[in-house]
Every structure is written in C-alpha cells, then in structure tokens.
C-alpha cells in the first residue's frame, strides 16, 4: 500500500474529480471541451441513431416539464416534415 505524505489529507473521489476537472480546464481550455463534445455527439448519433434522440427528447420533456420537452418535440416534428415524413 502506498504511503501518504505527512500533511497531505486524503481526497474523496468527489474532491479528486473536482480537482482533476479544474486542472483539465486550466490546461486545455474551451476549445478542448467543444471538440470532445462534438466528437461524443457524433459518435452517439452514429451508434444510436435518430430514434435515440427522439426518446431522450421525450424523457427530457417529462423531467424538465412541458416547456423543454415541447421545444424538442417541435424540432423533431419540423425535421420530419422537412424530410417528408408524417
């Protein structure tokens, strides 16, 4: 087992994660988060498809109330009309 340095306190998992997140933000900046967010979104779209986004949009509407869900529903319906569906 590793020895702890005198004077250093053990971090909880939450504290360590927070500290790591702050350090990542300092070293990488806004563009890094934008890039990984886009990459993650593209991968999710490829692996789950259009129906997945419909489903999470419905779930988001249930949790977030009618306002958020209604907007997602309207956007989905607009996209379907543009594609000639429904």
Protein backbone atom coordinates (compact mmCIF):
# COMPACT_ATOMS: atom_id res chain seq x y z
CA UNK A 1 0.00 0.00 0.00
CA UNK A 2 1.28 3.49 -0.80
CA UNK A 3 2.42 5.74 2.00
CA UNK A 4 0.81 9.12 2.45
CA UNK A 5 2.93 12.25 2.75
CA UNK A 6 2.73 13.94 6.12
CA UNK A 7 0.47 16.95 5.99
CA UNK A 8 -1.49 15.82 2.92
CA UNK A 9 -5.08 14.82 3.51
CA UNK A 10 -6.82 12.04 1.64
CA UNK A 11 -9.25 13.28 -1.01
CA UNK A 12 -12.69 11.87 -1.51
CA UNK A 13 -13.50 10.63 -5.00
CA UNK A 14 -15.69 13.69 -5.47
CA UNK A 15 -12.91 16.08 -4.41
CA UNK A 16 -10.37 14.34 -6.63
CA UNK A 17 -12.73 14.52 -9.60
CA UNK A 18 -13.39 18.19 -9.00
CA UNK A 19 -9.68 18.91 -8.70
CA UNK A 20 -8.96 16.98 -11.89
CA UNK A 21 -11.72 18.79 -13.75
CA UNK A 22 -10.38 22.17 -12.70
CA UNK A 23 -6.87 21.19 -13.79
CA UNK A 24 -8.13 19.96 -17.16
CA UNK A 25 -9.99 23.23 -17.71
CA UNK A 26 -6.86 25.21 -16.87
CA UNK A 27 -4.61 23.25 -19.21
CA UNK A 28 -6.94 22.64 -22.16
CA UNK A 29 -9.49 25.47 -22.27
CA UNK A 30 -12.82 25.98 -24.02
CA UNK A 31 -11.83 24.63 -27.45
CA UNK A 32 -10.90 21.26 -25.93
CA UNK A 33 -14.35 20.83 -24.39
CA UNK A 34 -16.02 21.94 -27.61
CA UNK A 35 -14.01 19.39 -29.59
CA UNK A 36 -14.66 16.44 -27.28
CA UNK A 37 -18.34 17.37 -27.00
CA UNK A 38 -18.72 17.39 -30.78
CA UNK A 39 -16.80 14.11 -31.07
CA UNK A 40 -19.01 12.49 -28.42
CA UNK A 41 -22.18 13.78 -30.07
CA UNK A 42 -21.13 12.46 -33.46
CA UNK A 43 -20.31 9.05 -32.01
CA UNK A 44 -23.64 8.92 -30.17
CA UNK A 45 -25.51 9.82 -33.36
CA UNK A 46 -23.71 7.10 -35.32
CA UNK A 47 -24.14 4.42 -32.69
CA UNK A 48 -27.71 5.16 -31.56
CA UNK A 49 -29.47 6.82 -34.49
CA UNK A 50 -32.37 9.24 -34.84
CA UNK A 51 -34.79 7.25 -32.67
CA UNK A 52 -32.48 7.55 -29.68
CA UNK A 53 -32.65 11.33 -29.85
CA UNK A 54 -36.44 11.19 -30.10
CA UNK A 55 -36.57 9.03 -26.99
CA UNK A 56 -34.23 11.16 -24.89
CA UNK A 57 -36.11 14.24 -26.06
CA UNK A 58 -39.33 12.74 -24.70
CA UNK A 59 -37.65 11.78 -21.43
CA UNK A 60 -36.17 15.26 -21.11
CA UNK A 61 -39.59 16.73 -21.58
CA UNK A 62 -41.02 14.51 -18.85
CA UNK A 63 -38.33 15.52 -16.38
CA UNK A 64 -37.89 19.14 -17.39
CA UNK A 65 -41.55 19.97 -17.71
CA UNK A 66 -43.62 20.82 -20.77
CA UNK A 67 -41.55 23.77 -21.90
CA UNK A 68 -38.29 21.90 -22.61
CA UNK A 69 -39.98 18.78 -23.94
CA UNK A 70 -42.32 20.78 -26.13
CA UNK A 71 -39.43 22.53 -27.87
CA UNK A 72 -37.71 19.20 -28.56
CA UNK A 73 -40.97 17.76 -29.86
CA UNK A 74 -41.47 20.75 -32.15
CA UNK A 75 -37.93 20.41 -33.52
CA UNK A 76 -38.39 16.69 -34.18
CA UNK A 77 -41.69 17.29 -35.96
CA UNK A 78 -40.12 20.08 -38.02
CA UNK A 79 -37.27 17.76 -39.05
CA UNK A 80 -39.73 15.04 -40.02
CA UNK A 81 -41.72 17.46 -42.17
CA UNK A 82 -38.51 18.63 -43.85
CA UNK A 83 -37.63 15.00 -44.62
CA UNK A 84 -41.11 14.34 -45.96
CA UNK A 85 -42.19 12.08 -43.08
CA UNK A 86 -45.62 12.07 -41.39
